[in-house]
Amino acid sequence: MRFLAIFSTFLLAPAAVFAAWGYTDNGKNYVIDTNANLVVSVSKTNGDMNSIKYRGVEYSGQSGKYSHVESGLGASTVTIKQYTSPANIIKVTVKYGTLLHTLVFRYGNPNVYIFMNKADTSVTVSRYILRIPPNIFTNDPNEDTDWIPDGATAIESGDVNGKSGQTWSKHYSGKKYGRTIDYDWVGYTNKNVGMYMIRSNHEKASGGPFFRSLVRRGGSGGPDLYDIYHYNMGHTDVMRFGLQGPSVLHFTDNGAAPNGNLFARKADWSWMDSLEIAGWVPQSKRGAVAGVGLNNMKSGYQYVVGLKNDAAQYWTVATGAWKISGVLPGTYTLTVYKGELEVHTSSVIITAGGTATKNTITCVDPQDTTAIWRIGNWDGTPKGFLNFLDTPMKPTYMHPSDTRLAKWDASNFIVGNSQASNFPGYIWKDVNNDHVVYFKLSADQLTKGAKIRIGVTEGMAGGRPAIAVNSWSAPLQADKGQGDTRSLTVGTYRGNNYIYEYTVPQSAWIQNTGEYQALKISVISGKTATGYLSPGISVDAIDMIAA
């Protein structure tokens, strides 16, 4: 039967037939053999990859669930087409409502190229998930912080688990993978195989270069691999529509590293130009922007140039002259980041086939303002504060209650004596609120008012700072539109950076150079919750400058 099916394909398309290459239709599934030791079965009912066999070993399936969009699509229209130019290629198209989901297979490649074309919100498409059977890959509980060990019970929302004071969660990928800009792939290996999900370029995803989300999940029921398109936790970005991909399922032998030519930042996908993938835009119809360089760069920080609008997003690291290529035409906001802090924004228009140019950009850095005192460094992260001294930072892969972290309710801060590492990087209304900073002023400073700035990278549950200086209290400020879901407890401090400014009148000071002034920082919110889910903030830096 297999020979007849392949022979029939040969008759329908004038192409050379290679041993094992091709597909069969067994009535329920299309079975594709890539002639690279990879055989994949795609359901004709819903487009699931219900079997993924590499060198005869099954890599899809957990208790009746398979590899698919989101948590699986319903009844869909599933079609298949074979191409012979520019290469031997098989394309499976799955239509479910307004969603078009495409799987591409290429002769001699141990890969599946995965696409999503989401037209609107009528179909939920936050991820593609590869569900891997149990007992193929093993884990190290100290390194694989996103793999739930046996006996670890749920401590938050059913997806954060703890055991003997240590915590794990599918959200805690910060130790191995970090932010979107930091990784090209996620995967598992053993002595026989490497199985990888190589992420797409995320041009139609959400969150930008510094976004953190789940990318793997492991446990006794079997591990998963994800490419995340729109993740709800801590989200502040728009949901984008259109074609996303390819994400690439990729296999290697003997646990070898993945093929770098498949990484989104360097791959050549021109061979897909003729595959009639809805929404596909070839390089010839894209543009670029290039810059001479950046001024006022600070040593020790990574600088990133990003583009975004409601339709797409892109980024690159800038160490001198920089360029972002492969951009869909349109008008974009161009942002330069020092670390993760915005230090420049402007607008740029990208045209098909063209390269927009930018002269040298001068970064506007709040660190440049002379401070009377300052705690931390302005970089858009809580790096350097209590519990944020390590690389990677522990709260990106641990629950805040993890006993490996120092107590968040640290002693109050004395300017001139305390270090930034004594100041909590996170402050919650119900955990370590009303933190006090003590400082002294000179005789001249006591004659003037001042401005206090508090940088907040994320405000969870409407959390935002309010301040009091001695007996004076600043007017309360409104919520600045941060994410309205869990964030600080699921491994991310990333939100909409905002610098809260408070003008302190001269009358607020205790008129004695020998006495400490007391600044009390409190988290406020109109929302209520308890413990680590109570309203909270992630701190970038705090300083006092001239008014």
Protein backbone atom coordinates (compact mmCIF):
# COMPACT_ATOMS: atom_id res chain seq x y z
CA MET A 1 0.00 0.00 0.00
CA ARG A 2 2.82 2.41 0.88
CA PHE A 3 4.55 1.77 -2.45
CA LEU A 4 1.28 2.33 -4.31
CA ALA A 5 0.66 5.62 -2.51
CA ILE A 6 4.14 6.90 -3.27
CA PHE A 7 3.87 5.68 -6.86
CA SER A 8 0.55 7.51 -7.22
CA THR A 9 2.16 10.70 -5.98
CA PHE A 10 4.88 10.22 -8.56
CA LEU A 11 2.29 9.94 -11.33
CA LEU A 12 0.55 13.12 -10.18
CA ALA A 13 3.74 15.19 -9.92
CA PRO A 14 6.72 14.91 -12.27
CA ALA A 15 9.36 14.52 -9.56
CA ALA A 16 12.05 12.06 -8.67
CA VAL A 17 10.85 9.65 -5.97
CA PHE A 18 13.35 8.99 -3.22
CA ALA A 19 13.37 5.97 -0.98
CA ALA A 20 10.97 6.55 1.95
CA TRP A 21 10.23 10.19 0.98
CA GLY A 22 6.57 11.05 0.57
CA TYR A 23 3.24 10.69 2.32
CA THR A 24 0.45 8.19 2.67
CA ASP A 25 -3.19 8.64 3.58
CA ASN A 26 -4.43 5.91 5.94
CA GLY A 27 -7.92 7.36 6.14
CA LYS A 28 -7.49 9.07 9.50
CA ASN A 29 -4.05 10.62 9.10
CA TYR A 30 -1.56 11.90 6.61
CA VAL A 31 1.73 10.12 7.35
CA ILE A 32 4.78 12.03 6.12
CA ASP A 33 8.22 10.45 5.83
CA THR A 34 11.00 13.04 5.47
CA ASN A 35 13.67 10.50 4.50
CA ALA A 36 15.65 11.86 7.46
CA ASN A 37 14.59 9.24 10.01
CA LEU A 38 11.57 11.39 10.89
CA VAL A 39 8.02 10.14 10.25
CA VAL A 40 5.10 12.30 11.33
CA SER A 41 1.39 11.49 11.41
CA VAL A 42 -0.99 14.44 11.10
CA SER A 43 -4.64 13.98 12.02
CA LYS A 44 -7.04 14.66 9.15
CA THR A 45 -9.64 15.60 11.77
CA ASN A 46 -7.93 18.40 13.69
CA GLY A 47 -4.32 18.78 12.48
CA ASP A 48 -2.68 17.33 15.59
CA MET A 49 0.73 15.74 15.11
CA ASN A 50 -0.48 12.55 16.79
CA SER A 51 2.72 10.67 16.07
CA ILE A 52 6.27 12.00 15.76
CA LYS A 53 8.76 9.18 15.31
CA TYR A 54 12.46 9.81 15.03
CA ARG A 55 14.59 6.73 14.43
CA GLY A 56 11.57 4.67 15.40
CA VAL A 57 11.04 6.29 18.82
CA GLU A 58 7.71 8.01 19.51
CA TYR A 59 8.02 11.65 20.63
CA SER A 60 4.37 12.77 20.67
CA GLY A 61 1.63 11.84 23.09
CA GLN A 62 0.68 12.13 26.75
CA SER A 63 -2.43 10.33 28.01
CA GLY A 64 -4.32 10.81 24.77
CA LYS A 65 -3.11 14.38 24.14
CA TYR A 66 -0.73 15.13 21.29
CA SER A 67 1.26 17.99 19.76
CA HIS A 68 -0.91 20.83 18.53
CA VAL A 69 -2.02 24.45 18.56
CA GLU A 70 -3.07 25.72 21.98
CA SER A 71 -4.74 22.69 23.64
CA GLY A 72 -5.85 21.20 20.34
CA LEU A 73 -8.21 22.40 17.64
CA GLY A 74 -11.70 21.09 16.97
CA ALA A 75 -12.94 19.61 13.72
CA SER A 76 -10.89 21.23 10.95
CA THR A 77 -10.38 21.06 7.21
CA VAL A 78 -7.00 19.40 6.68
CA THR A 79 -5.39 19.26 3.23
CA ILE A 80 -1.99 18.19 1.90
CA LYS A 81 0.07 19.24 -1.10
CA GLN A 82 3.42 18.10 -2.44
CA TYR A 83 5.92 20.38 -4.22
CA THR A 84 8.96 19.56 -6.30
CA SER A 85 10.41 23.05 -6.72
CA PRO A 86 12.57 24.57 -5.35
CA ALA A 87 12.87 21.31 -3.40
CA ASN A 88 10.83 18.25 -2.52
CA ILE A 89 8.41 19.65 0.03
CA ILE A 90 5.14 18.55 1.60
CA LYS A 91 2.74 21.09 3.08
CA VAL A 92 -0.19 20.30 5.36
CA THR A 93 -2.76 23.09 5.82
CA VAL A 94 -5.24 23.08 8.69
CA LYS A 95 -8.22 25.45 8.55
CA TYR A 96 -10.11 25.93 11.79
CA GLY A 97 -12.52 28.84 11.75
CA THR A 98 -10.47 31.91 10.88
CA LEU A 99 -7.17 30.21 11.77
CA LEU A 100 -4.84 28.79 9.14
CA HIS A 101 -2.22 26.46 10.62
CA THR A 102 0.50 25.06 8.35
CA LEU A 103 3.05 22.26 8.76
CA VAL A 104 5.88 22.02 6.24
CA PHE A 105 8.23 19.04 5.65
CA ARG A 106 11.30 19.11 3.42
CA TYR A 107 13.08 16.14 1.91
CA GLY A 108 16.11 15.07 3.92
CA ASN A 109 15.40 17.40 6.86
CA PRO A 110 14.66 16.05 10.38
CA ASN A 111 12.42 19.05 10.93
CA VAL A 112 8.81 20.19 11.00
CA TYR A 113 8.29 23.86 10.10
CA ILE A 114 5.26 25.20 12.00
CA PHE A 115 3.17 28.26 11.07
CA MET A 116 0.14 30.06 12.52
CA ASN A 117 -1.96 32.61 10.69
CA LYS A 118 -4.34 34.10 13.21
CA ALA A 119 -6.86 36.51 11.72
CA ASP A 120 -8.73 37.62 14.85
CA THR A 121 -9.63 36.70 18.42
CA SER A 122 -12.26 34.12 17.51
CA VAL A 123 -9.64 31.35 17.86
CA THR A 124 -7.27 31.27 20.83
CA VAL A 125 -3.69 30.82 19.65
CA SER A 126 -1.25 31.58 22.46
CA ARG A 127 1.18 28.73 21.72
CA TYR A 128 2.22 25.61 19.86
CA ILE A 129 2.91 22.76 22.26
CA LEU A 130 4.90 19.59 21.70
CA ARG A 131 3.72 16.95 24.18
CA ILE A 132 6.47 14.40 24.71
CA PRO A 133 5.83 10.96 26.25
CA PRO A 134 7.25 10.27 29.72
CA ASN A 135 10.46 8.36 30.44
CA ILE A 136 12.40 9.57 27.38
CA PHE A 137 14.15 12.53 28.96
CA THR A 138 15.29 12.96 32.55
CA ASN A 139 15.84 16.04 34.65
CA ASP A 140 18.10 17.63 37.22
CA PRO A 141 15.82 19.22 39.88
CA ASN A 142 18.41 21.91 40.63
CA GLU A 143 18.89 22.93 37.00
CA ASP A 144 15.53 22.12 35.41
CA THR A 145 13.47 24.59 37.41
CA ASP A 146 10.55 24.18 34.99
CA TRP A 147 10.34 20.40 35.62
CA ILE A 148 8.05 19.50 38.54
CA PRO A 149 9.60 16.70 40.64
CA ASP A 150 7.50 13.96 42.16
CA GLY A 151 6.08 14.93 45.55
CA ALA A 152 6.11 18.68 44.90
CA THR A 153 2.63 19.96 45.72
CA ALA A 154 0.83 23.00 44.35
CA ILE A 155 1.40 26.20 46.32
CA GLU A 156 -0.10 28.75 43.90
CA SER A 157 -2.84 28.55 41.27
CA GLY A 158 -2.12 24.89 40.53
CA ASP A 159 0.93 25.70 38.41
CA VAL A 160 3.58 26.58 41.00
CA ASN A 161 4.79 23.67 43.11
CA GLY A 162 6.93 23.34 46.20
CA LYS A 163 8.78 20.72 48.21
CA SER A 164 11.05 21.16 51.23
CA GLY A 165 11.13 24.92 50.72
CA GLN A 166 12.18 24.72 47.05
CA THR A 167 9.86 25.70 44.20
CA TRP A 168 9.33 24.72 40.56
CA SER A 169 6.93 25.79 37.85
CA LYS A 170 6.39 25.66 34.12
CA HIS A 171 6.80 29.43 34.35
CA TYR A 172 10.33 29.20 35.76
CA SER A 173 12.45 29.00 32.61
CA GLY A 174 14.59 31.95 33.66
CA LYS A 175 17.54 29.83 34.74
CA LYS A 176 18.17 28.11 31.40
CA TYR A 177 16.51 30.35 28.85
CA GLY A 178 15.75 33.81 30.21
CA ARG A 179 14.16 36.45 28.00
CA THR A 180 13.05 36.04 24.38
CA ILE A 181 16.18 37.81 23.14
CA ASP A 182 18.38 35.39 25.10
CA TYR A 183 17.42 32.08 23.49
CA ASP A 184 17.04 30.64 20.00
CA TRP A 185 15.66 27.28 21.07
CA VAL A 186 14.37 25.21 23.96
CA GLY A 187 14.77 21.47 24.16
CA TYR A 188 15.70 18.20 25.83
CA THR A 189 18.54 15.80 25.18
CA ASN A 190 19.69 12.33 26.09
CA LYS A 191 22.56 10.22 24.82
CA ASN A 192 20.60 9.25 21.71
CA VAL A 193 18.77 12.37 20.60
CA GLY A 194 18.31 16.10 20.85
CA MET A 195 14.73 17.31 20.50
CA TYR A 196 14.31 21.05 20.06
CA MET A 197 11.68 23.68 19.48
CA ILE A 198 13.47 26.49 17.66
CA ARG A 199 11.51 29.64 18.25
CA SER A 200 10.15 31.75 15.44
CA ASN A 201 11.28 35.33 14.92
CA HIS A 202 8.25 36.45 17.00
CA GLU A 203 7.44 39.28 14.61
CA LYS A 204 3.74 38.58 15.19
CA ALA A 205 4.12 37.54 18.82
CA SER A 206 3.89 39.91 21.78
CA GLY A 207 6.09 41.20 24.55
CA GLY A 208 9.25 42.41 22.85
CA PRO A 209 12.86 41.33 23.34
CA PHE A 210 12.80 41.15 27.15
CA PHE A 211 9.60 39.20 27.59
CA ARG A 212 9.69 36.19 29.90
CA SER A 213 7.23 33.31 29.66
CA LEU A 214 6.95 29.58 29.98
CA VAL A 215 8.82 27.76 27.21
CA ARG A 216 9.07 24.24 28.67
CA ARG A 217 7.26 22.13 31.25
CA GLY A 218 8.41 18.83 32.68
CA GLY A 219 7.04 16.29 35.09
CA SER A 220 6.15 12.66 35.60
CA GLY A 221 3.43 12.87 32.95
CA GLY A 222 5.98 13.80 30.30
CA PRO A 223 7.68 17.05 29.29
CA ASP A 224 6.45 19.75 26.88
CA LEU A 225 8.12 22.23 24.56
CA TYR A 226 6.45 25.49 23.52
CA ASP A 227 6.71 28.39 21.18
CA ILE A 228 4.68 31.15 22.82
CA TYR A 229 2.92 33.74 20.65
CA HIS A 230 0.80 35.62 23.18
CA TYR A 231 1.29 34.82 26.85
CA ASN A 232 -1.14 36.26 29.34
CA MET A 233 1.04 36.40 32.46
CA GLY A 234 2.35 39.91 33.11
CA HIS A 235 1.40 41.00 29.62
CA THR A 236 1.29 44.66 28.62
CA ASP A 237 1.71 44.38 24.84
CA VAL A 238 -0.90 44.12 22.10
CA MET A 239 -2.02 40.85 20.54
CA ARG A 240 -0.78 40.76 16.98
CA PHE A 241 -2.45 39.04 14.04
CA GLY A 242 -1.20 37.52 10.82
CA LEU A 243 1.31 34.84 9.92
CA GLN A 244 3.73 33.74 12.63
CA GLY A 245 6.54 31.34 11.89
CA PRO A 246 8.21 29.18 11.22
CA SER A 247 8.82 27.63 14.58
CA VAL A 248 10.88 24.50 13.93
CA LEU A 249 10.67 21.10 15.56
CA HIS A 250 14.21 19.81 15.06
CA PHE A 251 15.97 16.53 15.89
CA THR A 252 19.66 15.72 16.17
CA ASP A 253 21.52 12.49 16.89
CA ASN A 254 23.40 11.67 20.08
CA GLY A 255 22.10 14.74 21.89
CA ALA A 256 23.98 17.10 19.60
CA ALA A 257 23.30 20.84 19.64
CA PRO A 258 20.72 22.18 17.17
CA ASN A 259 21.63 23.40 13.69
CA GLY A 260 22.31 27.14 14.02
CA ASN A 261 21.19 27.77 10.46
CA LEU A 262 17.63 27.20 11.67
CA PHE A 263 17.76 30.04 14.21
CA ALA A 264 15.31 32.80 13.33
CA ARG A 265 17.97 35.53 13.54
CA LYS A 266 20.07 33.93 10.77
CA ALA A 267 17.88 31.49 8.81
CA ASP A 268 17.31 31.77 5.06
CA TRP A 269 13.68 30.90 4.40
CA SER A 270 13.66 31.93 0.72
CA TRP A 271 12.88 28.33 -0.27
CA MET A 272 9.43 28.88 1.23
CA ASP A 273 8.58 31.77 -1.10
CA SER A 274 6.74 29.54 -3.57
CA LEU A 275 4.83 27.40 -1.04
CA GLU A 276 1.62 29.45 -1.16
CA ILE A 277 1.54 29.92 2.61
CA ALA A 278 -1.18 32.47 3.36
CA GLY A 279 0.36 35.66 4.74
CA TRP A 280 3.92 34.80 3.73
CA VAL A 281 5.97 37.91 2.85
CA PRO A 282 9.28 37.27 1.03
CA GLN A 283 12.42 39.27 1.76
CA SER A 284 11.98 41.23 -1.47
CA LYS A 285 8.83 42.81 -0.04
CA ARG A 286 10.38 43.67 3.31
CA GLY A 287 12.62 46.55 4.33
CA ALA A 288 15.25 47.53 6.85
CA VAL A 289 16.49 50.31 9.10
CA ALA A 290 20.15 51.01 9.80
CA GLY A 291 21.82 53.32 12.28
CA VAL A 292 25.24 54.92 12.51
CA GLY A 293 25.50 54.22 16.24
CA LEU A 294 24.55 55.36 19.73
CA ASN A 295 25.95 58.14 21.90
CA ASN A 296 26.03 58.17 25.71
CA MET A 297 26.37 54.41 26.07
CA LYS A 298 27.35 53.25 29.54
CA SER A 299 29.94 50.54 30.09
CA GLY A 300 28.62 47.23 31.36
CA TYR A 301 25.17 47.45 29.78
CA GLN A 302 23.65 45.79 26.76
CA TYR A 303 21.97 48.19 24.35
CA VAL A 304 19.11 47.00 22.19
CA VAL A 305 17.29 48.75 19.36
CA GLY A 306 13.68 47.66 18.94
CA LEU A 307 10.90 48.33 16.46
CA LYS A 308 7.23 47.81 17.13
CA ASN A 309 3.75 48.71 16.04
CA ASP A 310 0.43 46.93 16.43
CA ALA A 311 1.28 44.61 13.52
CA ALA A 312 4.87 43.49 14.15
CA GLN A 313 7.98 43.70 16.35
CA TYR A 314 11.75 43.34 15.81
CA TRP A 315 15.00 44.02 17.66
CA THR A 316 18.79 43.82 17.51
CA VAL A 317 21.71 44.31 19.88
CA ALA A 318 23.67 47.51 19.18
CA THR A 319 27.37 47.76 19.95
CA GLY A 320 28.13 50.34 17.25
CA ALA A 321 26.55 50.62 13.84
CA TRP A 322 23.36 48.53 13.80
CA LYS A 323 20.74 47.25 11.36
CA ILE A 324 17.37 45.51 11.56
CA SER A 325 16.44 43.66 8.37
CA GLY A 326 13.44 41.67 7.20
CA VAL A 327 10.91 44.21 8.48
CA LEU A 328 7.34 44.36 7.21
CA PRO A 329 6.55 47.75 5.64
CA GLY A 330 4.91 50.26 7.96
CA THR A 331 5.46 53.00 10.51
CA TYR A 332 7.18 51.86 13.68
CA THR A 333 8.17 53.21 17.05
CA LEU A 334 11.94 52.84 17.34
CA THR A 335 13.15 52.40 20.91
CA VAL A 336 16.68 52.19 22.27
CA TYR A 337 17.08 50.31 25.54
CA LYS A 338 19.90 50.53 28.05
CA GLY A 339 19.53 47.16 29.68
CA GLU A 340 15.74 47.05 29.60
CA LEU A 341 15.14 50.77 30.12
CA GLU A 342 13.92 52.99 27.30
CA VAL A 343 16.47 55.76 26.70
CA HIS A 344 15.27 56.92 23.28
CA THR A 345 12.09 56.73 21.21
CA SER A 346 11.37 58.01 17.73
CA SER A 347 9.42 57.03 14.63
CA VAL A 348 10.65 55.35 11.46
CA ILE A 349 8.93 54.40 8.21
CA ILE A 350 9.95 51.11 6.58
CA THR A 351 9.29 50.54 2.87
CA ALA A 352 9.48 47.37 0.82
CA GLY A 353 12.96 46.93 -0.59
CA GLY A 354 14.26 50.06 1.13
CA THR A 355 16.57 50.81 4.04
CA ALA A 356 15.67 53.70 6.32
CA THR A 357 18.66 55.37 7.95
CA LYS A 358 19.19 56.87 11.36
CA ASN A 359 21.95 59.26 12.32
CA THR A 360 23.72 58.79 15.63
CA ILE A 361 21.17 58.56 18.43
CA THR A 362 21.97 60.13 21.80
CA CYS A 363 20.57 58.11 24.70
CA VAL A 364 18.72 60.08 27.38
CA ASP A 365 19.65 58.27 30.58
CA PRO A 366 18.12 59.12 33.98
CA GLN A 367 21.42 57.97 35.49
CA ASP A 368 22.98 61.16 34.09
CA THR A 369 20.97 63.41 36.39
CA THR A 370 23.06 64.35 39.42
CA ALA A 371 21.50 62.73 42.46
CA ILE A 372 21.54 63.82 46.08
CA TRP A 373 21.40 60.07 46.73
CA ARG A 374 20.53 57.06 44.64
CA ILE A 375 19.72 53.40 45.34
CA GLY A 376 20.36 51.04 42.43
CA ASN A 377 21.08 51.78 38.79
CA TRP A 378 18.66 52.86 36.10
CA ASP A 379 18.48 49.91 33.69
CA GLY A 380 14.84 48.74 33.66
CA THR A 381 15.48 45.75 35.95
CA PRO A 382 15.79 45.08 39.71
CA LYS A 383 19.34 43.81 39.14
CA GLY A 384 21.56 44.50 42.16
CA PHE A 385 18.76 44.66 44.73
CA LEU A 386 18.04 42.11 47.44
CA ASN A 387 17.57 38.65 45.85
CA PHE A 388 18.63 40.00 42.44
CA LEU A 389 22.41 39.72 42.75
CA ASP A 390 22.93 36.52 40.78
CA THR A 391 22.99 35.91 37.04
CA PRO A 392 20.46 34.66 36.16
CA MET A 393 18.43 36.45 38.81
CA LYS A 394 16.85 33.96 41.21
CA PRO A 395 13.27 35.33 41.21
CA THR A 396 13.12 34.60 37.48
CA TYR A 397 13.17 30.89 38.29
CA MET A 398 11.91 30.67 41.88
CA HIS A 399 8.70 31.57 43.67
CA PRO A 400 9.20 34.52 46.05
CA SER A 401 8.52 32.16 48.98
CA ASP A 402 11.45 29.89 48.05
CA THR A 403 13.73 29.41 51.06
CA ARG A 404 16.82 29.89 48.89
CA LEU A 405 15.86 33.58 48.76
CA ALA A 406 16.55 36.07 51.53
CA LYS A 407 13.58 37.36 53.51
CA TRP A 408 11.90 40.14 51.55
CA ASP A 409 11.10 42.18 54.65
CA ALA A 410 14.63 43.54 54.87
CA SER A 411 15.81 46.07 57.42
CA ASN A 412 15.23 49.69 56.56
CA PHE A 413 17.74 51.45 54.34
CA ILE A 414 20.25 54.06 55.53
CA VAL A 415 21.75 56.14 52.74
CA GLY A 416 25.52 56.13 53.08
CA ASN A 417 25.60 52.93 55.15
CA SER A 418 23.37 50.40 53.38
CA GLN A 419 24.09 48.79 50.02
CA ALA A 420 21.60 48.40 47.17
CA SER A 421 21.69 44.67 47.91
CA ASN A 422 19.95 45.48 51.22
CA PHE A 423 16.95 47.01 49.45
CA PRO A 424 14.16 44.64 48.31
CA GLY A 425 13.79 44.37 44.53
CA TYR A 426 10.10 43.50 44.99
CA ILE A 427 7.71 45.16 47.45
CA TRP A 428 4.24 43.75 48.12
CA LYS A 429 1.40 45.39 49.98
CA ASP A 430 0.88 42.28 52.13
CA VAL A 431 4.50 41.11 52.57
CA ASN A 432 7.08 43.89 53.04
CA ASN A 433 5.20 47.14 52.67
CA ASP A 434 6.10 50.54 54.14
CA HIS A 435 9.83 50.28 53.55
CA VAL A 436 11.75 53.22 55.02
CA VAL A 437 14.80 54.99 53.60
CA TYR A 438 16.73 57.22 56.01
CA PHE A 439 18.95 60.03 54.74
CA LYS A 440 20.53 63.26 55.94
CA LEU A 441 20.61 66.64 54.22
CA SER A 442 23.12 69.45 54.29
CA ALA A 443 22.25 72.92 55.51
CA ASP A 444 21.93 74.13 51.92
CA GLN A 445 19.74 71.19 50.93
CA LEU A 446 17.41 71.89 53.85
CA THR A 447 16.57 75.26 52.28
CA LYS A 448 15.16 73.71 49.11
CA GLY A 449 12.60 71.20 48.01
CA ALA A 450 13.63 68.11 46.03
CA LYS A 451 12.24 65.49 43.69
CA ILE A 452 12.10 61.78 44.49
CA ARG A 453 12.00 59.34 41.58
CA ILE A 454 10.98 55.70 41.91
CA GLY A 455 11.43 53.50 38.84
CA VAL A 456 8.90 50.67 38.63
CA THR A 457 9.42 47.99 35.99
CA GLU A 458 6.15 46.20 36.80
CA GLY A 459 3.15 46.90 38.99
CA MET A 460 1.24 43.72 39.80
CA ALA A 461 -2.50 43.93 40.59
CA GLY A 462 -2.51 47.70 40.21
CA GLY A 463 0.43 48.10 42.60
CA ARG A 464 2.19 51.45 42.58
CA PRO A 465 4.27 53.41 45.08
CA ALA A 466 3.06 56.12 47.42
CA ILE A 467 5.50 58.09 49.56
CA ALA A 468 5.62 60.02 52.79
CA VAL A 469 8.56 62.10 53.97
CA ASN A 470 8.52 62.62 57.70
CA SER A 471 4.99 63.96 58.38
CA TRP A 472 4.33 65.02 54.77
CA SER A 473 2.56 62.71 52.30
CA ALA A 474 2.66 63.04 48.53
CA PRO A 475 -0.57 63.06 46.53
CA LEU A 476 -1.46 59.53 45.41
CA GLN A 477 -0.76 58.70 41.78
CA ALA A 478 -2.95 56.71 39.42
CA ASP A 479 -2.24 53.22 38.09
CA LYS A 480 -0.05 53.50 34.99
CA GLY A 481 -1.57 50.56 33.12
CA GLN A 482 0.70 47.69 34.07
CA GLY A 483 -0.16 44.02 33.51
CA ASP A 484 -3.25 42.79 35.33
CA THR A 485 -2.25 39.17 35.84
CA ARG A 486 0.37 37.32 37.86
CA SER A 487 3.90 38.47 37.15
CA LEU A 488 6.23 38.71 40.15
CA THR A 489 5.33 35.16 41.22
CA VAL A 490 5.76 33.59 37.78
CA GLY A 491 9.31 34.61 37.03
CA THR A 492 8.95 38.03 35.45
CA TYR A 493 9.49 41.63 36.55
CA ARG A 494 8.83 42.94 33.05
CA GLY A 495 6.00 45.40 32.55
CA ASN A 496 5.74 48.99 31.34
CA ASN A 497 8.70 50.82 32.85
CA TYR A 498 7.46 53.94 34.58
CA ILE A 499 9.27 56.54 36.67
CA TYR A 500 7.05 57.94 39.41
CA GLU A 501 8.11 61.46 40.40
CA TYR A 502 7.20 63.22 43.63
CA THR A 503 8.05 66.84 44.36
CA VAL A 504 8.85 67.19 48.05
CA PRO A 505 8.42 70.72 49.47
CA GLN A 506 11.12 72.32 51.63
CA SER A 507 8.63 72.35 54.49
CA ALA A 508 8.70 68.53 54.64
CA TRP A 509 12.27 68.43 56.02
CA ILE A 510 13.29 68.15 59.62
CA GLN A 511 15.42 71.27 59.91
CA ASN A 512 18.48 69.63 61.45
CA THR A 513 21.53 68.43 59.53
CA GLY A 514 22.26 65.87 62.22
CA GLU A 515 18.88 64.16 62.06
CA TYR A 516 17.72 61.56 59.54
CA GLN A 517 14.89 62.34 57.19
CA ALA A 518 12.53 59.37 56.78
CA LEU A 519 11.13 58.41 53.37
CA LYS A 520 8.42 55.76 53.62
CA ILE A 521 7.58 53.84 50.44
CA SER A 522 4.22 52.07 50.44
CA VAL A 523 2.51 50.00 47.78
CA ILE A 524 -1.08 51.06 47.15
CA SER A 525 -3.83 49.63 44.94
CA GLY A 526 -7.59 49.51 44.76
CA LYS A 527 -7.33 45.73 44.31
CA THR A 528 -7.09 43.23 47.10
CA ALA A 529 -5.25 39.94 47.44
CA THR A 530 -3.01 38.33 50.03
CA GLY A 531 0.61 37.32 50.37
CA TYR A 532 2.72 37.29 47.24
CA LEU A 533 -0.36 37.78 45.07
CA SER A 534 -1.15 41.08 46.77
CA PRO A 535 -0.44 44.27 44.83
CA GLY A 536 3.29 44.65 44.33
CA ILE A 537 6.01 46.49 42.46
CA SER A 538 9.37 45.63 40.95
CA VAL A 539 11.93 48.38 41.59
CA ASP A 540 14.38 49.69 38.98
CA ALA A 541 16.04 52.48 40.96
CA ILE A 542 15.19 55.16 43.54
CA ASP A 543 16.84 58.54 43.86
CA MET A 544 16.44 62.08 45.05
CA ILE A 545 17.39 64.91 42.73
CA ALA A 546 17.06 68.66 42.68
CA ALA A 547 13.49 69.82 42.14
